[in-house]
N, C-alpha and C. Protein backbone atom coordinates (compact mmCIF):
# COMPACT_ATOMS: atom_id res chain seq x y z
N MET A 1 -16.06 -85.45 58.84
CA MET A 1 -17.48 -85.59 59.24
C MET A 1 -18.29 -85.55 57.97
N PRO A 2 -19.52 -86.63 58.15
CA PRO A 2 -20.43 -86.58 57.09
C PRO A 2 -21.04 -85.31 56.76
N GLY A 3 -21.21 -85.15 55.40
CA GLY A 3 -21.61 -84.00 55.17
C GLY A 3 -20.70 -82.40 54.54
N LYS A 4 -20.01 -82.95 55.06
CA LYS A 4 -18.92 -81.74 54.89
C LYS A 4 -17.90 -82.23 53.77
N LYS A 5 -17.53 -81.30 52.70
CA LYS A 5 -16.50 -81.71 51.91
C LYS A 5 -15.08 -81.43 52.38
N SER A 6 -14.27 -81.90 52.18
CA SER A 6 -12.71 -81.39 52.12
C SER A 6 -12.44 -80.60 51.42
N ARG A 7 -11.30 -79.77 51.78
CA ARG A 7 -10.91 -78.43 50.76
C ARG A 7 -10.06 -79.06 49.92
N ALA A 8 -9.63 -80.23 49.67
CA ALA A 8 -8.96 -80.75 48.72
C ALA A 8 -9.96 -81.18 47.60
N SER A 9 -11.22 -81.77 48.01
CA SER A 9 -12.34 -81.97 47.05
C SER A 9 -12.89 -81.08 46.50
N SER A 10 -13.18 -79.73 47.42
CA SER A 10 -13.66 -78.78 46.94
C SER A 10 -13.17 -77.82 45.75
N ARG A 11 -11.29 -77.87 45.93
CA ARG A 11 -10.59 -77.02 45.07
C ARG A 11 -10.79 -78.09 43.71
N ARG A 12 -10.72 -79.33 43.85
CA ARG A 12 -10.90 -80.00 42.56
C ARG A 12 -12.03 -80.12 41.74
N ARG A 13 -13.17 -79.63 42.23
CA ARG A 13 -14.50 -79.80 41.53
C ARG A 13 -14.56 -78.39 40.67
N PRO A 14 -13.94 -77.29 41.11
CA PRO A 14 -14.23 -75.85 39.93
C PRO A 14 -13.44 -76.31 38.74
N GLY A 15 -12.25 -76.81 39.00
CA GLY A 15 -11.32 -77.14 37.96
C GLY A 15 -12.16 -78.09 36.86
N LYS A 16 -12.73 -79.30 37.22
CA LYS A 16 -13.13 -80.13 36.89
C LYS A 16 -14.32 -79.42 35.75
N ARG A 17 -15.22 -78.66 36.79
CA ARG A 17 -16.46 -77.85 35.87
C ARG A 17 -16.00 -77.20 35.07
N VAL A 18 -14.91 -76.34 35.02
CA VAL A 18 -14.34 -75.43 33.84
C VAL A 18 -13.99 -76.64 32.62
N ALA A 19 -13.40 -77.60 33.00
CA ALA A 19 -13.12 -78.79 32.22
C ALA A 19 -14.36 -78.94 31.00
N ASP A 20 -15.26 -79.64 32.04
CA ASP A 20 -16.66 -79.90 31.45
C ASP A 20 -17.29 -79.17 30.72
N ARG A 21 -17.07 -77.75 31.04
CA ARG A 21 -17.73 -76.97 30.53
C ARG A 21 -17.20 -76.56 28.92
N TYR A 22 -15.89 -76.47 29.25
CA TYR A 22 -15.02 -76.07 27.97
C TYR A 22 -15.38 -77.35 27.03
N ASP A 23 -15.47 -78.59 27.40
CA ASP A 23 -15.36 -79.84 26.68
C ASP A 23 -17.26 -79.50 25.99
N SER A 24 -18.04 -79.03 26.49
CA SER A 24 -18.99 -79.22 25.91
C SER A 24 -19.34 -78.19 24.89
N ALA A 25 -18.56 -76.89 25.09
CA ALA A 25 -18.83 -75.97 23.98
C ALA A 25 -17.91 -76.43 23.24
N ARG A 26 -16.67 -77.12 23.11
CA ARG A 26 -16.02 -77.47 21.94
C ARG A 26 -16.65 -78.49 21.18
N ARG A 27 -17.48 -79.33 21.86
CA ARG A 27 -18.35 -80.58 21.23
C ARG A 27 -19.30 -79.87 20.19
N ALA A 28 -19.92 -78.45 21.08
CA ALA A 28 -21.07 -78.02 20.35
C ALA A 28 -20.20 -77.35 18.91
N TYR A 29 -18.96 -76.76 19.15
CA TYR A 29 -18.60 -76.01 17.94
C TYR A 29 -18.17 -77.30 16.93
N GLU A 30 -17.55 -78.30 17.32
CA GLU A 30 -17.15 -79.50 16.57
C GLU A 30 -18.51 -80.07 15.85
N SER A 31 -19.64 -80.01 16.32
CA SER A 31 -21.04 -80.22 15.65
C SER A 31 -21.71 -78.94 14.84
N GLY A 32 -21.03 -78.15 14.81
CA GLY A 32 -21.42 -77.10 14.03
C GLY A 32 -22.61 -76.13 14.57
N ASP A 33 -22.80 -76.28 15.86
CA ASP A 33 -23.41 -75.34 17.02
C ASP A 33 -22.65 -74.44 17.33
N ASN A 34 -21.89 -73.39 16.67
CA ASN A 34 -21.68 -72.34 17.24
C ASN A 34 -21.99 -71.15 18.01
N ARG A 35 -23.42 -71.18 17.78
CA ARG A 35 -24.26 -70.16 18.77
C ARG A 35 -24.08 -70.77 20.05
N LYS A 36 -24.45 -72.20 20.28
CA LYS A 36 -24.39 -72.48 21.41
C LYS A 36 -22.71 -72.49 22.15
N ALA A 37 -21.78 -73.06 21.07
CA ALA A 37 -20.79 -72.79 21.66
C ALA A 37 -20.43 -71.67 22.33
N LYS A 38 -20.61 -70.41 21.37
CA LYS A 38 -20.05 -69.39 22.00
C LYS A 38 -20.74 -68.88 23.13
N SER A 39 -22.01 -69.18 23.10
CA SER A 39 -22.78 -68.86 24.48
C SER A 39 -22.07 -69.78 25.74
N LEU A 40 -21.69 -70.69 25.45
CA LEU A 40 -21.20 -71.44 26.87
C LEU A 40 -19.79 -70.92 27.05
N LEU A 41 -18.99 -70.79 26.30
CA LEU A 41 -17.75 -69.97 26.36
C LEU A 41 -17.85 -68.71 26.73
N SER A 42 -18.71 -67.93 26.42
CA SER A 42 -18.99 -66.43 26.85
C SER A 42 -19.46 -66.71 28.50
N ALA A 43 -19.98 -67.41 28.68
CA ALA A 43 -20.73 -67.98 30.07
C ALA A 43 -19.40 -68.07 31.01
N LEU A 44 -18.54 -69.18 30.70
CA LEU A 44 -17.40 -69.71 31.43
C LEU A 44 -16.55 -68.75 31.50
N ILE A 45 -16.06 -67.62 30.54
CA ILE A 45 -15.29 -66.69 30.86
C ILE A 45 -15.92 -65.48 31.75
N ARG A 46 -17.27 -65.37 31.57
CA ARG A 46 -17.90 -63.99 32.33
C ARG A 46 -17.93 -64.69 33.72
N ASP A 47 -17.89 -65.72 34.19
CA ASP A 47 -17.98 -66.53 35.31
C ASP A 47 -16.73 -66.12 35.88
N GLY A 48 -15.58 -65.81 35.30
CA GLY A 48 -14.06 -65.54 35.48
C GLY A 48 -13.39 -66.94 35.88
N GLN A 49 -13.54 -67.84 34.79
CA GLN A 49 -12.87 -68.90 34.66
C GLN A 49 -12.23 -68.83 32.94
N PRO A 50 -12.02 -67.57 32.70
CA PRO A 50 -11.16 -67.95 31.31
C PRO A 50 -9.90 -68.67 31.45
N THR A 51 -9.82 -69.89 30.47
CA THR A 51 -8.47 -70.58 29.65
C THR A 51 -8.12 -69.78 28.46
N SER A 52 -6.91 -70.08 28.44
CA SER A 52 -6.25 -69.75 27.10
C SER A 52 -7.13 -70.64 25.85
N SER A 53 -7.49 -72.03 25.97
CA SER A 53 -8.40 -72.78 25.12
C SER A 53 -9.48 -72.20 24.94
N ALA A 54 -10.43 -71.83 25.98
CA ALA A 54 -11.47 -71.27 25.71
C ALA A 54 -11.36 -69.65 24.93
N LEU A 55 -10.71 -69.06 25.45
CA LEU A 55 -10.52 -67.76 24.58
C LEU A 55 -10.15 -67.95 23.01
N VAL A 56 -9.33 -68.83 22.55
CA VAL A 56 -8.82 -69.25 21.46
C VAL A 56 -10.15 -70.08 20.74
N LEU A 57 -11.05 -71.03 21.30
CA LEU A 57 -12.14 -71.31 20.37
C LEU A 57 -13.28 -69.96 20.04
N LEU A 58 -13.20 -69.57 21.29
CA LEU A 58 -14.18 -68.20 21.16
C LEU A 58 -13.79 -67.31 20.13
N ALA A 59 -12.47 -67.13 20.13
CA ALA A 59 -11.86 -65.99 18.94
C ALA A 59 -12.03 -66.75 17.67
N ARG A 60 -11.89 -67.99 17.49
CA ARG A 60 -12.07 -68.57 16.26
C ARG A 60 -13.51 -68.46 15.59
N ILE A 61 -14.37 -68.57 16.88
CA ILE A 61 -16.01 -68.57 16.43
C ILE A 61 -16.18 -67.01 16.08
N CYS A 62 -15.56 -66.29 16.41
CA CYS A 62 -15.90 -64.82 16.36
C CYS A 62 -15.24 -64.49 14.89
N ALA A 63 -13.86 -65.07 14.70
CA ALA A 63 -13.33 -65.08 13.44
C ALA A 63 -14.15 -65.24 12.04
N GLU A 64 -14.66 -66.65 12.64
CA GLU A 64 -15.63 -67.39 11.57
C GLU A 64 -16.70 -66.79 11.18
N SER A 65 -17.38 -65.79 12.00
CA SER A 65 -18.59 -65.11 11.86
C SER A 65 -18.32 -63.85 11.61
N GLY A 66 -17.15 -63.46 11.17
CA GLY A 66 -16.84 -61.84 10.84
C GLY A 66 -16.53 -60.97 11.82
N GLU A 67 -16.85 -61.31 13.11
CA GLU A 67 -16.37 -60.59 14.35
C GLU A 67 -15.06 -60.41 14.75
N ARG A 68 -14.04 -60.15 13.78
CA ARG A 68 -12.39 -60.02 13.56
C ARG A 68 -12.31 -59.03 15.06
N GLY A 69 -12.86 -58.13 15.10
CA GLY A 69 -12.53 -57.08 16.27
C GLY A 69 -12.51 -58.11 17.55
N GLN A 70 -13.61 -58.78 17.78
CA GLN A 70 -13.75 -59.79 19.02
C GLN A 70 -13.01 -60.24 19.34
N SER A 71 -12.30 -61.09 18.07
CA SER A 71 -11.62 -62.19 17.69
C SER A 71 -10.17 -61.84 18.04
N ILE A 72 -9.69 -60.73 17.64
CA ILE A 72 -8.63 -60.05 18.36
C ILE A 72 -8.36 -59.80 19.78
N LYS A 73 -9.61 -59.12 20.41
CA LYS A 73 -9.70 -59.12 21.76
C LYS A 73 -9.55 -60.40 22.43
N HIS A 74 -9.97 -61.27 22.27
CA HIS A 74 -9.99 -62.74 22.96
C HIS A 74 -8.72 -63.34 22.59
N LEU A 75 -8.09 -62.96 21.25
CA LEU A 75 -6.82 -63.65 21.37
C LEU A 75 -5.93 -63.08 22.20
N GLY A 76 -5.96 -61.54 22.36
CA GLY A 76 -4.90 -61.02 23.19
C GLY A 76 -4.82 -61.25 24.46
N ARG A 77 -6.50 -61.79 25.12
CA ARG A 77 -6.40 -62.15 26.46
C ARG A 77 -5.94 -63.34 26.65
N ALA A 78 -5.72 -64.10 25.65
CA ALA A 78 -5.54 -65.59 25.67
C ALA A 78 -3.73 -65.50 25.58
N LEU A 79 -3.44 -64.70 24.98
CA LEU A 79 -1.97 -64.21 24.90
C LEU A 79 -1.50 -64.09 26.24
N ARG A 80 -2.10 -62.91 26.95
CA ARG A 80 -1.92 -62.32 28.46
C ARG A 80 -1.85 -63.79 29.23
N LEU A 81 -2.34 -64.68 28.79
CA LEU A 81 -2.48 -65.95 29.72
C LEU A 81 -1.30 -66.68 29.49
N LYS A 82 -1.00 -67.25 28.23
CA LYS A 82 -0.08 -67.98 27.81
C LYS A 82 0.84 -67.23 26.74
N PRO A 83 1.68 -66.29 27.01
CA PRO A 83 2.64 -65.26 26.11
C PRO A 83 3.48 -65.87 25.46
N ASN A 84 3.62 -67.15 25.56
CA ASN A 84 5.16 -68.09 24.86
C ASN A 84 3.84 -69.38 23.86
N ASP A 85 2.83 -69.06 23.81
CA ASP A 85 2.06 -70.00 23.14
C ASP A 85 2.10 -69.62 21.63
N ALA A 86 2.87 -70.30 20.70
CA ALA A 86 2.93 -70.02 19.12
C ALA A 86 1.60 -70.18 18.44
N GLN A 87 0.84 -71.00 19.21
CA GLN A 87 -0.46 -71.45 18.13
C GLN A 87 -1.35 -69.97 18.28
N ILE A 88 -1.45 -69.15 19.44
CA ILE A 88 -2.17 -68.09 19.70
C ILE A 88 -1.59 -66.98 18.77
N HIS A 89 -0.28 -67.16 18.72
CA HIS A 89 0.58 -65.81 17.75
C HIS A 89 0.01 -66.15 16.38
N ILE A 90 -0.10 -67.38 15.97
CA ILE A 90 -0.47 -67.69 14.66
C ILE A 90 -1.76 -67.36 14.27
N HIS A 91 -2.71 -67.73 15.20
CA HIS A 91 -4.19 -67.29 15.09
C HIS A 91 -4.42 -65.64 14.93
N LEU A 92 -3.31 -64.76 15.80
CA LEU A 92 -3.52 -63.56 16.07
C LEU A 92 -2.94 -63.08 14.55
N ALA A 93 -2.06 -63.66 13.78
CA ALA A 93 -1.42 -63.16 12.53
C ALA A 93 -2.66 -63.54 11.36
N GLU A 94 -3.04 -65.08 11.60
CA GLU A 94 -4.22 -64.87 10.63
C GLU A 94 -5.36 -63.81 10.50
N VAL A 95 -5.46 -63.38 11.93
CA VAL A 95 -6.58 -62.68 11.87
C VAL A 95 -6.70 -61.17 11.49
N HIS A 96 -5.24 -60.80 11.88
CA HIS A 96 -4.90 -59.24 11.61
C HIS A 96 -4.52 -59.35 10.06
N TYR A 97 -3.85 -60.84 9.23
CA TYR A 97 -3.75 -60.74 8.08
C TYR A 97 -5.31 -60.44 7.31
N GLN A 98 -6.41 -60.83 7.99
CA GLN A 98 -7.81 -60.66 7.12
C GLN A 98 -8.18 -59.27 7.54
N GLU A 99 -7.76 -58.92 8.56
CA GLU A 99 -8.13 -57.28 8.58
C GLU A 99 -7.04 -56.14 7.77
N LYS A 100 -6.24 -56.86 7.21
CA LYS A 100 -5.21 -56.28 6.37
C LYS A 100 -4.30 -55.54 7.04
N ALA A 101 -3.88 -55.81 8.36
CA ALA A 101 -2.57 -55.29 8.99
C ALA A 101 -1.54 -56.39 9.31
N ARG A 102 -1.03 -56.18 8.15
CA ARG A 102 -0.29 -56.98 7.45
C ARG A 102 1.15 -57.00 8.50
N ASP A 103 1.54 -55.83 8.78
CA ASP A 103 2.74 -55.86 9.51
C ASP A 103 2.51 -56.34 11.17
N THR A 104 1.33 -56.28 11.45
CA THR A 104 1.19 -56.82 12.81
C THR A 104 0.87 -58.24 12.74
N ALA A 105 0.26 -59.07 11.68
CA ALA A 105 0.34 -60.22 11.46
C ALA A 105 1.59 -60.64 11.16
N LEU A 106 2.54 -60.11 10.46
CA LEU A 106 4.24 -60.52 10.31
C LEU A 106 4.74 -60.63 11.63
N LYS A 107 4.63 -59.44 12.57
CA LYS A 107 5.19 -59.40 14.02
C LYS A 107 4.98 -60.83 14.60
N HIS A 108 3.36 -61.08 14.76
CA HIS A 108 3.03 -62.29 15.22
C HIS A 108 3.59 -63.76 14.66
N LEU A 109 3.90 -63.78 13.28
CA LEU A 109 4.42 -64.99 12.50
C LEU A 109 5.84 -65.03 13.22
N HIS A 110 6.56 -63.97 13.45
CA HIS A 110 7.93 -63.66 13.87
C HIS A 110 7.88 -64.30 15.14
N GLU A 111 7.22 -63.84 15.92
CA GLU A 111 6.96 -64.52 17.64
C GLU A 111 6.61 -65.57 17.35
N ALA A 112 5.89 -66.11 16.78
CA ALA A 112 5.62 -67.76 16.85
C ALA A 112 6.78 -68.63 16.18
N ASN A 113 7.76 -67.90 15.63
CA ASN A 113 8.76 -68.56 14.79
C ASN A 113 9.98 -68.34 15.97
N ILE A 114 10.06 -67.33 16.61
CA ILE A 114 10.91 -67.80 17.84
C ILE A 114 10.65 -68.54 18.66
N ILE A 115 9.57 -68.35 19.06
CA ILE A 115 8.89 -69.69 20.32
C ILE A 115 9.08 -71.12 19.96
N ALA A 116 8.82 -71.59 18.53
CA ALA A 116 8.59 -72.86 17.97
C ALA A 116 9.18 -72.81 16.58
N PRO A 117 10.41 -72.21 16.47
CA PRO A 117 10.60 -72.69 14.72
C PRO A 117 10.07 -73.87 14.15
N GLU A 118 10.28 -74.75 14.59
CA GLU A 118 9.93 -76.32 13.98
C GLU A 118 8.43 -76.18 13.82
N ASN A 119 7.43 -75.59 14.42
CA ASN A 119 6.15 -75.47 14.05
C ASN A 119 5.46 -74.61 13.22
N VAL A 120 6.24 -73.55 12.76
CA VAL A 120 5.93 -72.38 12.40
C VAL A 120 6.13 -72.50 10.81
N GLN A 121 4.77 -72.65 9.78
CA GLN A 121 5.34 -72.86 8.35
C GLN A 121 4.74 -71.61 7.38
N VAL A 122 5.38 -70.96 7.03
CA VAL A 122 5.02 -69.48 6.50
C VAL A 122 4.88 -69.81 4.87
């Protein structure tokens, strides 16, 4: 029927929008516009479309601006989405180390090493 969208096409569009929104945020971050990147990522997450990539990028921005507590929060959410992602554990280790939580940092490095021993350099 003209004017009606098929279910398949309407299912694809939201995913595409999420990817486009993430890419816009990533480009803003890469160009040094952390404020815009943070705003775009926060909106994406607030709209109920968090991805581990969006959460990790938002965590990096927070950590770089000294908001390490927020960074840990976002990384924790990312880890719940992808519990076997060694890179998220490494990011958590870095932030916890900066917070002087060395035991927790070591725990995350250990987890990353178990998940991907070939990728972890200490």
